[in-house]
Amino acid sequence: MPWGWPSARPCSSSDCCSLLPGCFPPRRFRLLWTGRIVSVIESPQRRTAAVIAAFNPDDELLTNAAAIAAQVGQLVVVDDGSTSPTATSIFDHLTGTGVTVLRLDQNSGIAAALNRGIEELGSTTRPEFVLTFDQDSLPVPDYVSRALATFDDATAQGKKVGFVSAESFSGHRVPVLGTANGLNEAFDPMQSGFFIPMSTLAKLGDFEAGFFIDCVDSEFTARVRAAGYSILIGAGCEVGHRLGARLPAKMLGRPVRLRGNDLSFNYYSPFRMYYIMRNGTTLVRRYWRRNPVWVIRRLAEDAKAQLLRFAFSPDRRYLAIAAWEGLVDSCRGRQGRISQDLLNRIQPR
């Protein structure tokens, strides 16, 4: 259902009640249109849209997209250069349900895909807020209304809100940086579930496309926070999400135990390790002066995870090569996709 009329523009008056053609009521109100004005109702959507970045999706995307589309005025799915035979039919099905599907000619990374979707929204429906999601994320049915409630609570307290993040992913709570007046500030939240005012993007820019993948969310968080904005955790904003592969830690073929529990770790391929090290190093170099406490805490958290990977991963030699090359490329200022030559060198044999 369209917002107002095709040529509608926001009314400049907060107490407008004339409902003249060519304007629509601000913020909370939505026009129901069937050839004439039937009624004006309060809408929890507040002209919210969403973007999903997708690459070689499976049928799970159809379920997730339907759940997200039910909460927003428009959903854009960006195909980031998918190559799987089944992807075309999935995207065609989404188009048939009213979802806007945009196709990128080649795999350009999650930041570029999200930016393309945001650009489309900015030139068409111009929503007040945009949600960003991974293809494997399923938010709770009232995610948007809960995120809006957190946003409104914070702005009523005089906070300048950069965006609202999810509270948990598949039961794993987002780490908190601090709490004030019942509002939790997010430490380093995952991108999926970002509820961003378009005004934030207009002032501070889109996601860092040069990062390609990994640390895209961290860079955006650091940039928004450096500009003096709060990054808040949405109360009750839960997301079902596929977490990365977790492997058991073994030494000499036997499980390693810590405090009576089997030790495990999040495994990343050498391909991912390159981006994690390159972009993570760039983050440190870019933000350590502006936010040293955040950078040091993030380094400490990352160091614990990396220690386990380098100690127990099955392809440690290739991980080491990828990490070193990522560090060097960061110092050289290199961004974008990993080179094919390096990709061949770090491919486990």
Protein backbone atom coordinates (compact mmCIF):
# COMPACT_ATOMS: atom_id res chain seq x y z
CA MET A 1 0.00 0.00 0.00
CA PRO A 2 1.56 3.35 -0.99
CA TRP A 3 2.37 6.08 1.45
CA GLY A 4 0.09 9.01 0.58
CA TRP A 5 0.07 9.83 -3.11
CA PRO A 6 2.76 9.00 -5.69
CA SER A 7 3.90 12.63 -5.66
CA ALA A 8 3.54 13.06 -1.93
CA ARG A 9 5.97 15.05 0.14
CA PRO A 10 6.26 15.48 3.92
CA CYS A 11 4.08 18.24 5.32
CA SER A 12 6.12 20.97 6.99
CA SER A 13 3.51 21.52 9.67
CA SER A 14 3.37 19.21 12.66
CA ASP A 15 -0.30 20.04 13.25
CA CYS A 16 -1.48 19.78 9.66
CA CYS A 17 -5.00 18.36 9.47
CA SER A 18 -6.15 19.49 6.04
CA LEU A 19 -4.83 16.39 4.23
CA LEU A 20 -4.51 18.32 0.99
CA PRO A 21 -3.35 16.43 -2.11
CA GLY A 22 0.41 16.53 -2.41
CA CYS A 23 1.23 16.30 1.28
CA PHE A 24 1.04 13.54 3.85
CA PRO A 25 0.91 13.84 7.62
CA PRO A 26 4.26 13.67 9.38
CA ARG A 27 5.84 10.79 11.23
CA ARG A 28 3.18 8.64 12.91
CA PHE A 29 0.30 8.84 10.43
CA ARG A 30 -0.43 6.81 7.33
CA LEU A 31 -3.07 7.38 4.67
CA LEU A 32 -5.26 4.51 3.55
CA TRP A 33 -5.86 5.04 -0.17
CA THR A 34 -8.58 3.40 -2.27
CA GLY A 35 -9.16 6.18 -4.79
CA ARG A 36 -10.19 8.53 -2.00
CA ILE A 37 -9.13 9.06 1.61
CA VAL A 38 -10.81 6.45 3.78
CA SER A 39 -9.06 7.09 7.06
CA VAL A 40 -5.88 8.16 8.76
CA ILE A 41 -4.42 5.68 11.22
CA GLU A 42 -1.43 5.71 13.51
CA SER A 43 1.26 3.43 12.10
CA PRO A 44 4.10 1.79 14.03
CA GLN A 45 6.06 1.65 10.78
CA ARG A 46 6.67 5.42 10.60
CA ARG A 47 7.75 5.08 6.96
CA THR A 48 10.32 2.40 7.65
CA ALA A 49 11.93 0.35 4.87
CA ALA A 50 14.40 -2.53 4.92
CA VAL A 51 17.33 -3.80 2.85
CA ILE A 52 18.55 -7.41 2.75
CA ALA A 53 21.92 -8.22 1.21
CA ALA A 54 21.84 -11.68 -0.39
CA PHE A 55 24.41 -13.95 -2.02
CA ASN A 56 23.54 -17.44 -3.26
CA PRO A 57 20.53 -17.66 -0.90
CA ASP A 58 18.44 -20.73 -0.17
CA ASP A 59 14.70 -20.90 0.51
CA GLU A 60 15.24 -19.56 4.03
CA LEU A 61 15.45 -16.10 2.47
CA LEU A 62 11.80 -16.36 1.41
CA THR A 63 10.67 -16.93 5.00
CA ASN A 64 12.88 -14.18 6.39
CA ALA A 65 11.91 -11.69 3.70
CA ALA A 66 8.20 -12.28 4.34
CA ALA A 67 8.66 -11.68 8.08
CA ILE A 68 10.56 -8.46 7.44
CA ALA A 69 8.23 -7.19 4.71
CA ALA A 70 5.28 -7.52 7.10
CA GLN A 71 6.84 -4.86 9.35
CA VAL A 72 7.96 -2.23 6.83
CA GLY A 73 6.59 -0.09 4.02
CA GLN A 74 9.06 -1.38 1.44
CA LEU A 75 11.59 -4.20 1.28
CA VAL A 76 14.58 -4.17 -1.06
CA VAL A 77 16.64 -7.33 -1.58
CA VAL A 78 20.01 -6.84 -3.27
CA ASP A 79 21.48 -9.81 -5.12
CA ASP A 80 25.23 -9.43 -4.61
CA GLY A 81 26.25 -11.25 -7.79
CA SER A 82 24.82 -14.68 -6.94
CA THR A 83 26.07 -17.60 -9.03
CA SER A 84 24.03 -20.55 -7.72
CA PRO A 85 21.45 -22.07 -10.13
CA THR A 86 18.63 -21.78 -7.58
CA ALA A 87 19.18 -18.10 -6.78
CA THR A 88 17.34 -16.83 -9.85
CA SER A 89 14.11 -18.63 -8.97
CA ILE A 90 14.28 -17.36 -5.39
CA PHE A 91 14.73 -13.76 -6.53
CA ASP A 92 11.96 -14.15 -9.12
CA HIS A 93 9.63 -15.42 -6.38
CA LEU A 94 10.45 -12.40 -4.22
CA THR A 95 9.72 -10.05 -7.11
CA GLY A 96 6.35 -11.74 -7.53
CA THR A 97 5.46 -10.98 -3.91
CA GLY A 98 6.11 -7.25 -4.32
CA VAL A 99 9.68 -7.15 -3.04
CA THR A 100 12.05 -4.88 -4.95
CA VAL A 101 14.98 -7.01 -6.15
CA LEU A 102 18.15 -5.32 -7.40
CA ARG A 103 20.88 -7.29 -9.16
CA LEU A 104 24.59 -6.44 -8.96
CA ASP A 105 26.69 -7.57 -11.92
CA GLN A 106 29.37 -9.05 -9.68
CA ASN A 107 29.98 -9.93 -6.05
CA SER A 108 30.85 -6.55 -4.53
CA GLY A 109 30.64 -7.27 -0.79
CA ILE A 110 27.95 -6.74 1.80
CA ALA A 111 28.66 -3.02 2.30
CA ALA A 112 28.23 -2.24 -1.40
CA ALA A 113 25.06 -4.35 -1.55
CA LEU A 114 23.48 -2.58 1.42
CA ASN A 115 24.51 0.80 0.04
CA ARG A 116 22.84 0.02 -3.28
CA GLY A 117 19.59 -0.83 -1.50
CA ILE A 118 19.76 2.32 0.61
CA GLU A 119 20.41 4.38 -2.52
CA GLU A 120 17.29 2.89 -4.13
CA LEU A 121 15.16 3.79 -1.12
CA GLY A 122 16.58 7.30 -0.99
CA SER A 123 15.57 7.93 -4.60
CA THR A 124 12.10 6.35 -4.39
CA THR A 125 10.08 6.08 -1.17
CA ARG A 126 12.45 8.13 1.01
CA PRO A 127 11.65 6.45 4.33
CA GLU A 128 12.40 7.95 7.71
CA PHE A 129 14.22 4.80 8.86
CA VAL A 130 15.96 1.91 7.13
CA LEU A 131 16.61 -1.56 8.54
CA THR A 132 19.54 -3.65 7.30
CA PHE A 133 19.61 -7.44 7.43
CA ASP A 134 21.67 -10.43 6.40
CA GLN A 135 19.83 -13.04 4.33
CA ASP A 136 19.83 -15.53 7.22
CA SER A 137 18.28 -13.20 9.80
CA LEU A 138 14.72 -13.58 11.12
CA PRO A 139 13.56 -10.75 13.42
CA VAL A 140 10.75 -11.06 15.94
CA PRO A 141 7.34 -9.91 14.60
CA ASP A 142 7.42 -6.64 16.56
CA TYR A 143 11.06 -5.76 15.86
CA VAL A 144 10.26 -2.44 14.19
CA SER A 145 7.86 -1.23 16.87
CA ARG A 146 10.35 -2.17 19.60
CA ALA A 147 13.22 -0.39 17.83
CA LEU A 148 11.02 2.67 17.39
CA ALA A 149 10.09 2.62 21.07
CA THR A 150 13.77 2.65 22.04
CA PHE A 151 14.48 5.43 19.55
CA ASP A 152 11.57 7.54 20.80
CA ASP A 153 12.48 6.98 24.45
CA ALA A 154 16.04 8.10 23.80
CA THR A 155 15.12 11.17 21.76
CA ALA A 156 12.61 12.18 24.43
CA GLN A 157 15.54 12.16 26.86
CA GLY A 158 17.49 14.46 24.56
CA LYS A 159 19.85 11.84 23.12
CA LYS A 160 21.14 12.10 19.57
CA VAL A 161 20.56 8.55 18.31
CA GLY A 162 22.76 7.29 15.48
CA PHE A 163 20.94 3.98 15.19
CA VAL A 164 19.36 1.15 17.18
CA SER A 165 20.80 -2.37 17.14
CA ALA A 166 19.43 -5.81 17.91
CA GLU A 167 19.41 -6.96 21.54
CA SER A 168 20.29 -10.59 20.83
CA PHE A 169 21.13 -13.04 18.05
CA SER A 170 19.75 -16.55 18.51
CA GLY A 171 19.81 -16.03 22.26
CA HIS A 172 23.30 -14.48 22.40
CA ARG A 173 23.01 -10.99 23.84
CA VAL A 174 24.77 -8.03 22.25
CA PRO A 175 27.60 -6.76 24.52
CA VAL A 176 26.78 -3.54 26.36
CA LEU A 177 29.10 -0.53 26.47
CA GLY A 178 27.18 1.26 29.22
CA THR A 179 23.71 1.97 30.61
CA ALA A 180 21.98 5.25 31.41
CA ASN A 181 18.33 5.99 32.25
CA GLY A 182 17.25 2.50 31.27
CA LEU A 183 18.92 2.62 27.85
CA ASN A 184 21.76 0.28 26.92
CA GLU A 185 24.54 1.55 24.68
CA ALA A 186 25.80 -1.14 22.29
CA PHE A 187 29.51 -1.95 22.30
CA ASP A 188 30.18 -3.37 18.82
CA PRO A 189 26.90 -4.74 17.41
CA MET A 190 26.44 -6.89 14.33
CA GLN A 191 25.04 -5.11 11.28
CA SER A 192 21.99 -7.34 10.84
CA GLY A 193 19.10 -5.54 12.50
CA PHE A 194 20.54 -2.02 12.38
CA PHE A 195 17.59 0.41 12.59
CA ILE A 196 19.04 3.58 11.10
CA PRO A 197 17.45 7.01 10.68
CA MET A 198 18.06 8.12 7.11
CA SER A 199 19.27 11.40 8.61
CA THR A 200 22.25 9.53 10.10
CA LEU A 201 23.24 8.20 6.68
CA ALA A 202 22.74 11.63 5.09
CA LYS A 203 25.12 13.24 7.59
CA LEU A 204 27.74 10.51 8.05
CA GLY A 205 27.65 8.47 4.85
CA ASP A 206 26.84 4.86 4.01
CA PHE A 207 28.71 1.66 4.89
CA GLU A 208 32.42 1.43 4.04
CA ALA A 209 32.34 -0.40 0.69
CA GLY A 210 36.14 -0.73 0.63
CA PHE A 211 35.98 -3.19 3.53
CA PHE A 212 34.07 -5.61 1.25
CA ILE A 213 33.14 -7.97 4.12
CA ASP A 214 34.01 -8.16 7.83
CA CYS A 215 34.23 -5.19 10.19
CA VAL A 216 31.75 -3.25 8.04
CA ASP A 217 29.44 -2.96 11.05
CA SER A 218 32.31 -2.06 13.40
CA GLU A 219 33.52 0.73 11.11
CA PHE A 220 30.03 2.21 10.85
CA THR A 221 29.61 1.98 14.62
CA ALA A 222 32.95 3.70 15.23
CA ARG A 223 32.19 6.45 12.71
CA VAL A 224 28.74 7.16 14.12
CA ARG A 225 30.00 7.18 17.70
CA ALA A 226 32.94 9.44 16.79
CA ALA A 227 30.42 11.96 15.47
CA GLY A 228 28.79 12.15 18.91
CA TYR A 229 25.79 9.88 18.38
CA SER A 230 24.45 7.21 20.71
CA ILE A 231 24.18 3.62 19.46
CA LEU A 232 21.43 1.95 21.44
CA ILE A 233 20.29 -1.63 21.94
CA GLY A 234 16.62 -2.04 21.08
CA ALA A 235 14.78 -3.54 24.05
CA GLY A 236 13.27 -6.84 22.91
CA CYS A 237 14.78 -6.60 19.42
CA GLU A 238 15.66 -10.26 18.98
CA VAL A 239 16.98 -11.80 15.76
CA GLY A 240 17.25 -15.45 14.82
CA HIS A 241 20.54 -15.76 12.99
CA ARG A 242 22.84 -18.48 11.71
CA LEU A 243 26.02 -18.24 13.74
CA GLY A 244 29.40 -19.18 12.30
CA ALA A 245 30.83 -22.69 12.39
CA ARG A 246 31.97 -23.68 15.87
CA LEU A 247 34.64 -26.38 16.20
CA PRO A 248 35.82 -28.33 19.26
CA ALA A 249 39.31 -27.47 20.50
CA LYS A 250 41.53 -30.56 20.39
CA MET A 251 45.12 -31.28 21.33
CA LEU A 252 46.74 -34.54 20.20
CA GLY A 253 43.29 -35.65 19.08
CA ARG A 254 41.72 -35.21 22.51
CA PRO A 255 39.16 -32.54 23.51
CA VAL A 256 40.53 -29.61 25.49
CA ARG A 257 38.53 -28.88 28.64
CA LEU A 258 38.34 -25.68 30.65
CA ARG A 259 36.62 -25.55 34.05
CA GLY A 260 34.95 -28.86 33.34
CA ASN A 261 33.59 -27.89 29.92
CA ASP A 262 34.76 -28.81 26.44
CA LEU A 263 36.46 -25.82 24.82
CA SER A 264 35.26 -24.71 21.38
CA PHE A 265 35.91 -21.77 19.07
CA ASN A 266 34.41 -19.92 16.10
CA TYR A 267 36.22 -21.12 13.00
CA TYR A 268 36.92 -18.76 10.10
CA SER A 269 38.44 -19.76 6.78
CA PRO A 270 41.73 -18.18 5.65
CA PHE A 271 39.67 -16.15 3.17
CA ARG A 272 37.73 -14.55 6.03
CA MET A 273 40.86 -14.21 8.17
CA TYR A 274 42.40 -11.94 5.53
CA TYR A 275 39.49 -9.50 5.71
CA ILE A 276 39.25 -9.68 9.49
CA MET A 277 42.91 -8.82 9.93
CA ARG A 278 43.08 -6.21 7.16
CA ASN A 279 39.90 -4.36 8.11
CA GLY A 280 40.44 -4.78 11.84
CA THR A 281 43.90 -3.22 11.53
CA THR A 282 42.46 -0.37 9.48
CA LEU A 283 39.88 0.22 12.21
CA VAL A 284 42.60 0.52 14.84
CA ARG A 285 44.64 2.92 12.73
CA ARG A 286 41.59 5.02 11.91
CA TYR A 287 39.94 5.32 15.34
CA TRP A 288 42.43 4.68 18.16
CA ARG A 289 42.99 8.38 18.76
CA ARG A 290 39.29 9.27 18.74
CA ASN A 291 38.04 6.37 20.86
CA PRO A 292 40.96 4.54 22.49
CA VAL A 293 38.85 2.76 25.14
CA TRP A 294 36.56 1.21 22.51
CA VAL A 295 39.50 0.23 20.30
CA ILE A 296 41.42 -1.40 23.17
CA ARG A 297 38.38 -3.36 24.35
CA ARG A 298 37.66 -4.52 20.81
CA LEU A 299 41.29 -5.57 20.36
CA ALA A 300 41.18 -7.55 23.60
CA GLU A 301 37.96 -9.35 22.62
CA ASP A 302 39.33 -10.13 19.17
CA ALA A 303 42.67 -11.32 20.55
CA LYS A 304 40.95 -13.98 22.68
CA ALA A 305 39.08 -15.35 19.68
CA GLN A 306 42.14 -15.24 17.44
CA LEU A 307 44.26 -17.06 20.02
CA LEU A 308 41.86 -20.00 19.96
CA ARG A 309 41.72 -20.04 16.16
CA PHE A 310 45.48 -20.05 15.74
CA ALA A 311 45.90 -22.65 18.45
CA PHE A 312 43.27 -25.15 17.31
CA SER A 313 42.22 -24.51 13.68
CA PRO A 314 43.05 -27.33 11.24
CA ASP A 315 44.64 -25.02 8.64
CA ARG A 316 46.76 -22.78 10.87
CA ARG A 317 49.51 -22.29 8.28
CA TYR A 318 47.11 -20.75 5.78
CA LEU A 319 45.44 -18.68 8.50
CA ALA A 320 48.84 -17.23 9.40
CA ILE A 321 49.59 -16.31 5.78
CA ALA A 322 46.16 -14.69 5.39
CA ALA A 323 46.53 -12.73 8.63
CA TRP A 324 49.99 -11.45 7.70
CA GLU A 325 48.89 -10.39 4.22
CA GLY A 326 45.85 -8.65 5.69
CA LEU A 327 48.05 -6.72 8.10
CA VAL A 328 50.43 -5.69 5.31
CA ASP A 329 47.63 -4.66 2.97
CA SER A 330 46.06 -2.51 5.68
CA CYS A 331 49.34 -0.67 6.19
CA ARG A 332 49.53 -0.18 2.42
CA GLY A 333 46.01 1.25 2.39
CA ARG A 334 44.65 -1.55 0.22
CA GLN A 335 40.89 -2.13 0.22
CA GLY A 336 38.35 -4.03 -1.84
CA ARG A 337 38.27 -7.68 -2.85
CA ILE A 338 41.14 -10.03 -1.98
CA SER A 339 43.48 -10.61 -4.94
CA GLN A 340 43.07 -13.87 -6.84
CA ASP A 341 46.76 -14.64 -6.39
CA LEU A 342 46.54 -14.42 -2.60
CA LEU A 343 43.27 -16.35 -2.61
CA ASN A 344 45.00 -19.20 -4.43
CA ARG A 345 47.91 -19.16 -1.96
CA ILE A 346 45.75 -19.42 1.17
CA GLN A 347 43.37 -22.07 -0.16
CA PRO A 348 43.77 -25.14 2.09
CA ARG A 349 44.95 -28.16 0.12
